[in-house]
Protein backbone atom coordinates (compact mmCIF):
# COMPACT_ATOMS: atom_id res chain seq x y z
CA MET A 1 -8.25 143.17 6.68
CA PRO A 2 -7.22 141.17 3.47
CA ARG A 3 -9.46 138.48 2.40
CA GLY A 4 -6.67 135.88 2.20
CA GLN A 5 -5.64 136.55 5.78
CA LYS A 6 -9.18 136.21 6.89
CA SER A 7 -9.40 132.82 5.18
CA LYS A 8 -6.21 131.57 6.67
CA LEU A 9 -7.52 132.60 10.36
CA ARG A 10 -10.64 130.66 9.63
CA ALA A 11 -8.81 127.61 8.35
CA ARG A 12 -6.43 127.75 11.51
CA GLU A 13 -9.48 128.12 13.69
CA LYS A 14 -11.12 125.08 12.24
CA ARG A 15 -7.86 123.05 12.63
CA ARG A 16 -7.75 124.07 16.38
CA GLN A 17 -11.37 123.17 17.09
CA ALA A 18 -10.74 119.83 15.39
CA ARG A 19 -7.67 119.23 17.59
CA GLU A 20 -9.79 120.06 20.75
CA GLY A 21 -12.37 117.44 20.02
CA PRO A 22 -16.22 118.08 20.12
CA GLU A 23 -18.06 118.98 23.16
CA ARG A 24 -21.56 118.94 23.89
CA LEU A 25 -22.65 122.51 24.86
CA VAL A 26 -26.08 123.66 25.83
CA PRO A 27 -28.46 123.71 22.80
CA ALA A 28 -28.81 126.98 21.32
CA GLN A 29 -32.21 126.45 19.62
CA THR A 30 -35.31 128.12 20.98
CA THR A 31 -38.81 127.03 20.77
CA ALA A 32 -41.42 129.03 19.18
CA PRO A 33 -43.41 131.18 21.69
CA GLU A 34 -46.91 129.95 22.54
CA GLU A 35 -49.65 131.53 24.23
CA GLU A 36 -49.49 130.56 27.84
CA GLU A 37 -51.39 131.67 30.79
CA SER A 38 -49.55 133.70 33.63
CA PRO A 39 -48.65 131.66 36.66
CA SER A 40 -50.37 132.60 39.93
CA SER A 41 -46.91 133.39 41.46
CA PRO A 42 -44.09 134.72 39.31
CA SER A 43 -41.42 133.59 41.87
CA PRO A 44 -42.37 130.03 42.83
CA HIS A 45 -40.66 128.16 45.74
CA PHE A 46 -38.09 125.70 44.85
CA LYS A 47 -38.69 122.24 45.94
CA ASP A 48 -35.13 121.31 46.49
CA ALA A 49 -33.35 124.56 47.20
CA PRO A 50 -33.81 127.10 50.13
CA ARG A 51 -35.27 130.44 49.87
CA SER A 52 -32.75 131.69 52.24
CA SER A 53 -29.45 130.57 53.77
CA PRO A 54 -27.63 133.11 56.00
CA ALA A 55 -24.77 130.71 56.46
CA THR A 56 -23.87 130.56 52.91
CA GLY A 57 -24.95 134.12 51.90
CA THR A 58 -27.70 132.70 49.42
CA PRO A 59 -30.07 135.54 48.72
CA ARG A 60 -33.34 135.51 50.61
CA SER A 61 -35.53 135.76 47.58
CA PRO A 62 -34.86 133.53 44.44
CA LYS A 63 -32.95 136.18 42.45
CA VAL A 64 -29.28 136.07 41.24
CA PRO A 65 -26.94 138.25 43.46
CA GLY A 66 -27.45 141.55 41.88
CA GLY A 67 -30.22 140.25 39.46
CA VAL A 68 -30.15 139.19 35.96
CA CYS A 69 -30.37 142.72 34.80
CA SER A 70 -27.16 143.44 36.40
CA THR A 71 -25.44 140.39 35.23
CA SER A 72 -26.48 141.32 31.60
CA THR A 73 -25.43 144.95 31.88
CA THR A 74 -22.20 143.87 33.48
CA ALA A 75 -21.30 141.97 30.45
CA ALA A 76 -22.46 144.57 28.13
CA ALA A 77 -20.51 147.27 30.22
CA ALA A 78 -17.43 145.21 29.98
CA SER A 79 -17.62 145.47 26.25
CA ASN A 80 -18.13 149.02 26.45
CA THR A 81 -14.97 150.23 27.74
CA LYS A 82 -11.32 150.51 26.48
CA PHE A 83 -11.31 146.83 26.78
CA ASN A 84 -11.59 146.76 23.23
CA GLU A 85 -9.76 149.96 22.25
CA ASP A 86 -7.15 148.28 19.95
CA ALA A 87 -9.40 145.84 18.42
CA SER A 88 -9.29 146.44 14.62
CA ASN A 89 -12.77 145.39 14.15
CA GLN A 90 -14.39 146.60 17.38
CA VAL A 91 -18.03 147.51 17.48
CA GLU A 92 -19.04 151.10 17.61
CA GLU A 93 -19.28 152.42 21.24
CA LYS A 94 -22.73 153.83 20.36
CA GLN A 95 -23.88 150.47 19.12
CA ASN A 96 -22.60 148.83 22.49
CA THR A 97 -24.22 151.46 24.55
CA SER A 98 -27.78 150.80 22.75
CA LYS A 99 -27.17 147.02 23.22
CA ALA A 100 -26.67 147.44 26.95
CA ARG A 101 -29.85 149.67 27.00
CA ASP A 102 -31.80 146.95 25.08
CA THR A 103 -30.66 144.25 27.33
CA THR A 104 -31.78 146.28 30.45
CA GLU A 105 -35.05 146.91 28.93
CA GLN A 106 -35.57 143.30 28.19
CA CYS A 107 -35.04 142.38 31.58
CA ARG A 108 -38.19 144.22 32.50
CA ARG A 109 -40.36 142.63 29.82
CA GLY A 110 -41.98 139.56 31.40
CA PRO A 111 -42.15 136.04 32.91
CA ILE A 112 -39.44 134.60 30.60
CA GLU A 113 -36.83 136.91 31.88
CA GLU A 114 -38.07 136.25 35.41
CA LYS A 115 -37.51 132.62 34.83
CA VAL A 116 -34.10 133.28 33.51
CA ALA A 117 -33.23 134.94 36.79
CA LEU A 118 -34.68 132.02 38.85
CA LEU A 119 -32.75 129.41 36.65
CA VAL A 120 -29.64 131.25 37.24
CA TYR A 121 -30.16 131.22 41.07
CA TYR A 122 -31.17 127.54 40.93
CA LEU A 123 -28.16 126.38 39.06
CA LEU A 124 -25.90 128.41 41.29
CA TYR A 125 -27.30 126.66 44.24
CA LYS A 126 -26.98 123.38 42.54
CA TYR A 127 -23.24 124.24 41.82
CA GLN A 128 -22.61 125.18 45.26
CA VAL A 129 -24.08 122.03 47.05
CA LYS A 130 -22.57 119.90 44.33
CA GLU A 131 -25.74 118.18 43.37
CA PRO A 132 -26.66 116.77 39.87
CA ILE A 133 -28.75 118.93 37.40
CA THR A 134 -31.52 117.41 35.29
CA LYS A 135 -33.81 118.88 32.87
CA ALA A 136 -36.78 117.34 34.83
CA ASP A 137 -35.80 119.08 37.91
CA MET A 138 -35.37 122.49 36.06
CA LEU A 139 -38.82 122.12 34.43
CA ARG A 140 -40.44 120.94 37.77
CA ASN A 141 -38.80 123.52 40.14
CA VAL A 142 -38.18 126.62 38.01
CA ILE A 143 -39.59 126.67 34.59
CA GLN A 144 -42.97 124.81 35.28
CA ILE A 145 -45.70 126.10 32.65
CA TYR A 146 -43.14 127.74 30.49
CA LYS A 147 -41.54 124.37 29.45
CA ASN A 148 -42.06 125.13 25.67
CA HIS A 149 -39.35 127.84 26.27
CA PHE A 150 -36.94 125.63 27.98
CA HIS A 151 -34.21 125.97 25.55
CA GLU A 152 -34.43 129.66 25.44
CA ILE A 153 -34.47 130.18 29.25
CA LEU A 154 -31.67 127.80 29.72
CA ARG A 155 -29.61 129.40 26.88
CA LYS A 156 -30.05 132.84 28.42
CA ALA A 157 -29.37 131.54 31.94
CA SER A 158 -25.99 129.91 30.55
CA GLU A 159 -24.88 133.17 29.18
CA HIS A 160 -25.26 135.07 32.33
CA LEU A 161 -23.48 132.09 34.30
CA GLU A 162 -20.64 132.23 31.85
CA LEU A 163 -19.98 135.94 31.47
CA VAL A 164 -20.65 136.75 35.17
CA PHE A 165 -19.36 133.68 37.07
CA GLY A 166 -17.23 132.01 34.60
CA LEU A 167 -19.31 128.78 34.70
CA ASP A 168 -19.90 126.78 31.46
CA VAL A 169 -23.31 124.88 31.31
CA LYS A 170 -22.70 121.58 29.57
CA GLU A 171 -24.90 118.64 28.67
CA MET A 172 -23.22 115.57 30.08
CA ASP A 173 -25.85 112.89 29.08
CA PRO A 174 -28.35 113.66 26.36
CA ASN A 175 -30.19 110.63 26.82
CA ARG A 176 -30.88 111.42 30.62
CA ASN A 177 -30.84 115.19 30.03
CA THR A 178 -28.23 115.86 32.75
CA TYR A 179 -26.12 118.90 32.85
CA VAL A 180 -23.06 120.04 34.85
CA LEU A 181 -21.51 123.55 35.44
CA ILE A 182 -17.88 123.62 34.68
CA ASN A 183 -15.58 126.30 36.07
CA LYS A 184 -13.51 128.01 33.29
CA LEU A 185 -10.32 127.30 34.97
CA GLU A 186 -8.97 123.86 35.04
CA ARG A 187 -8.54 123.92 38.69
CA SER A 188 -11.11 126.25 40.32
CA CYS A 189 -9.91 129.52 41.66
CA ASP A 190 -12.93 129.11 44.09
CA ALA A 191 -12.02 125.65 45.31
CA ARG A 192 -11.40 127.18 48.72
CA VAL A 193 -14.24 129.63 49.02
CA ASN A 194 -17.01 127.50 47.40
CA ASP A 195 -16.51 125.17 50.41
CA ASN A 196 -17.93 128.00 52.31
CA GLY A 197 -20.90 128.45 49.99
CA ALA A 198 -19.54 131.61 48.27
CA VAL A 199 -20.41 132.17 44.58
CA PRO A 200 -17.70 131.64 41.91
CA LYS A 201 -15.53 134.53 41.06
CA THR A 202 -13.87 133.17 37.80
CA GLY A 203 -16.03 135.48 35.58
CA LEU A 204 -14.31 138.45 37.13
CA LEU A 205 -10.82 136.90 37.01
CA MET A 206 -11.29 136.09 33.34
CA THR A 207 -12.31 139.75 32.81
CA VAL A 208 -9.08 141.03 34.52
CA LEU A 209 -6.98 138.45 32.65
CA GLY A 210 -8.69 139.71 29.46
CA VAL A 211 -7.62 143.38 30.13
CA ILE A 212 -4.25 142.28 30.79
CA PHE A 213 -3.97 140.29 27.51
CA THR A 214 -5.52 142.81 25.43
CA LYS A 215 -3.15 145.68 26.76
CA GLY A 216 -0.03 143.83 25.72
CA ASN A 217 0.23 141.24 28.36
CA ARG A 218 0.42 143.93 31.11
CA ALA A 219 -2.09 146.45 32.24
CA THR A 220 -1.75 149.49 34.66
CA GLU A 221 -3.87 149.51 37.54
CA GLU A 222 -5.75 152.35 36.16
CA GLU A 223 -6.58 150.41 33.14
CA VAL A 224 -8.05 147.53 35.14
CA TRP A 225 -9.89 149.80 37.32
CA GLU A 226 -11.45 151.68 34.34
CA VAL A 227 -13.05 148.32 33.34
CA LEU A 228 -14.06 147.27 36.93
CA ASN A 229 -15.80 150.68 37.29
CA THR A 230 -18.09 149.99 34.30
CA MET A 231 -19.06 146.78 35.96
CA GLY A 232 -20.21 148.56 39.26
CA LEU A 233 -16.82 147.71 41.15
CA TYR A 234 -15.01 150.49 42.97
CA ASP A 235 -12.02 150.79 45.07
CA GLY A 236 -13.10 150.88 48.77
CA ILE A 237 -16.63 149.90 48.23
CA LYS A 238 -17.67 146.22 49.17
CA ASN A 239 -19.70 144.31 46.49
CA PHE A 240 -22.30 141.67 47.32
CA ILE A 241 -20.64 139.08 45.15
CA TYR A 242 -16.82 139.80 45.22
CA GLY A 243 -16.49 141.46 48.63
CA ASP A 244 -13.64 144.14 48.62
CA PRO A 245 -12.64 144.14 44.94
CA LYS A 246 -9.25 145.81 45.72
CA LYS A 247 -8.41 143.12 48.18
CA LEU A 248 -9.59 140.45 45.83
CA ILE A 249 -7.34 141.60 42.85
CA THR A 250 -4.15 143.07 44.68
CA LYS A 251 -3.92 140.35 47.45
CA ASP A 252 -6.16 137.39 47.21
CA TRP A 253 -5.42 136.49 43.55
CA VAL A 254 -1.73 137.58 43.84
CA LYS A 255 -1.39 135.38 46.80
CA GLU A 256 -2.97 132.51 44.97
CA LYS A 257 -0.59 133.23 41.91
CA TYR A 258 -3.38 134.16 39.39
CA LEU A 259 -1.86 137.61 39.24
CA GLU A 260 1.13 139.61 39.61
CA TYR A 261 0.92 143.08 40.96
CA ARG A 262 4.06 145.10 40.96
CA GLN A 263 5.34 148.72 40.70
CA VAL A 264 5.81 149.99 37.07
CA PRO A 265 9.77 150.37 36.72
CA ASN A 266 11.09 153.90 37.08
CA SER A 267 7.66 155.35 37.85
CA ASP A 268 7.64 158.38 40.04
CA PRO A 269 5.19 158.93 41.67
CA PRO A 270 4.97 155.16 41.86
CA HIS A 271 2.31 153.50 39.69
CA TYR A 272 1.31 149.75 39.57
CA GLU A 273 0.53 147.22 37.16
CA PHE A 274 -1.01 143.79 36.51
CA LEU A 275 0.48 140.56 34.85
CA TRP A 276 -0.73 136.95 34.49
CA GLY A 277 0.59 134.85 37.34
CA PRO A 278 1.96 131.37 37.01
CA ARG A 279 -1.21 129.84 38.11
CA ALA A 280 -3.30 131.78 35.38
CA TYR A 281 -0.97 130.51 32.67
CA ALA A 282 -1.21 126.88 34.01
CA GLU A 283 -5.05 126.90 34.32
CA THR A 284 -6.23 128.76 31.45
CA SER A 285 -4.75 130.04 27.98
CA LYS A 286 -4.74 133.24 25.96
CA MET A 287 -7.27 131.59 23.53
CA LYS A 288 -9.72 130.78 26.22
CA VAL A 289 -9.45 134.27 27.66
CA LEU A 290 -9.82 135.67 24.06
CA GLU A 291 -12.99 133.52 23.67
CA PHE A 292 -14.38 134.95 26.86
CA VAL A 293 -13.51 138.54 25.61
CA ALA A 294 -15.04 137.80 22.35
CA LYS A 295 -18.15 136.51 23.88
CA THR A 296 -18.64 139.72 25.79
CA HIS A 297 -18.67 141.52 22.44
CA ASP A 298 -21.10 139.03 21.05
CA THR A 299 -18.60 138.02 18.41
CA VAL A 300 -15.71 135.44 17.79
CA PRO A 301 -12.11 135.48 18.42
CA THR A 302 -11.16 135.84 14.83
CA ALA A 303 -12.86 139.29 15.00
CA PHE A 304 -9.57 140.41 16.74
CA PRO A 305 -6.81 139.22 14.39
CA GLY A 306 -3.88 140.65 16.23
CA TRP A 307 -4.85 138.97 19.36
CA TYR A 308 -6.08 135.87 17.85
CA GLU A 309 -2.54 135.51 16.11
CA GLU A 310 -0.92 135.76 19.40
CA ALA A 311 -3.40 133.38 21.02
CA LEU A 312 -2.78 130.83 18.23
CA ARG A 313 1.05 131.05 18.64
CA ASP A 314 0.33 130.49 22.39
CA GLU A 315 -1.57 127.44 21.57
CA GLU A 316 1.07 125.95 19.35
CA GLU A 317 3.77 126.59 21.87
CA ARG A 318 1.78 124.82 24.58
CA ALA A 319 1.10 121.93 22.12
CA ARG A 320 4.94 121.62 21.54
CA ALA A 321 5.66 121.80 25.19
CA ARG A 322 3.28 118.96 25.93
CA VAL A 323 4.84 116.74 23.31
CA LEU A 324 8.28 117.46 24.60
CA ALA A 325 7.15 116.79 28.14
CA LYS A 326 5.40 113.42 26.96
CA ALA A 327 8.70 112.53 25.12
CA GLY A 328 10.67 113.23 28.24
CA THR A 329 8.69 111.21 30.50
CA ALA A 330 8.60 108.35 28.17
CA ALA A 331 12.35 108.54 27.82
CA MET A 332 12.81 108.56 31.69
CA ALA A 333 10.40 105.52 31.92
CA SER A 334 12.32 103.56 29.37
CA ALA A 335 15.72 104.36 30.98
CA ARG A 336 14.24 103.45 34.49
CA ALA A 337 12.94 100.20 32.99
CA LYS A 338 16.22 99.21 31.52
CA ALA A 339 17.90 99.97 34.88
CA ILE A 340 15.55 97.87 36.71
CA ALA A 341 15.83 94.98 34.16
CA SER A 342 19.56 95.33 34.35
CA SER A 343 19.68 94.92 38.11
CA PHE A 344 18.04 91.48 37.94
CA SER A 345 20.42 90.18 35.28
CA TYR A 346 23.15 87.71 36.43
CA PRO A 347 26.52 87.12 34.78
CA LYS A 348 26.79 84.07 32.81
């Protein structure tokens, strides 16, 4: 890619970020490791979260559904498929496979990884019961003697929550050290099921939307399943987190208008394809989905210049539409005010 084009992309990215305004994200810094004695129990009881909840489907032991190992390899596997086939700067498949293997091995290394798994479970619980999250609670109930590794543990847990469940961990009040989990969709696709205690499915939806976007804004059913299979999701096999994946993507999300599922024109025998539904266009954007895709590749959106250009055009079109909508609303309000004023005027 020419150096001048890269500079232009970086400049446009900076302007876009400046327009969006600063957001306080989870601190990325890590604390230098210290010698610490092992806890007497690697899986302490939470003081404010139950160890089992049959009614809500919460795991009996304090582990993330599927475990942190599976969440790590799920994200790594997603970047290991034809998901990035058309990316001009894609990472070598061999390197991605190595990264997935390294991530899996890291899960077995010790107490820090166990604390990451516990914190993911704890934060999901807090999200489901809609309770506030504070640093003090995380230290007391989960991290305990590993407080010097707080930022590292929180950062890793945040990565799992984002890539698997589509939840962003954000610091709301740095003075009080309070945090909140925010669904990546403006209006959560999980609003209905979360009332019953189900875990968020936004991460999977963002993955499917990413496949569609990177396949030219339409993806065949085979292309979508190729990615889902690498994540351990198969047609006809129920998953602990997502239930029946085929029903979820071809019926539930279609009914909720996040996806369109239709027969490919003139296909014989019939083949089917997925497109973004109107609700996906309303609640997310190509740029947000590309940022999610880039994160699964451990890179940035500008690493995929073709998709990034398209996402930028989409952002600019949305911005123009918002300006026109505001102008139209202002004009209607002005006309209405004049009409009301004239109705109270009397002839001289």
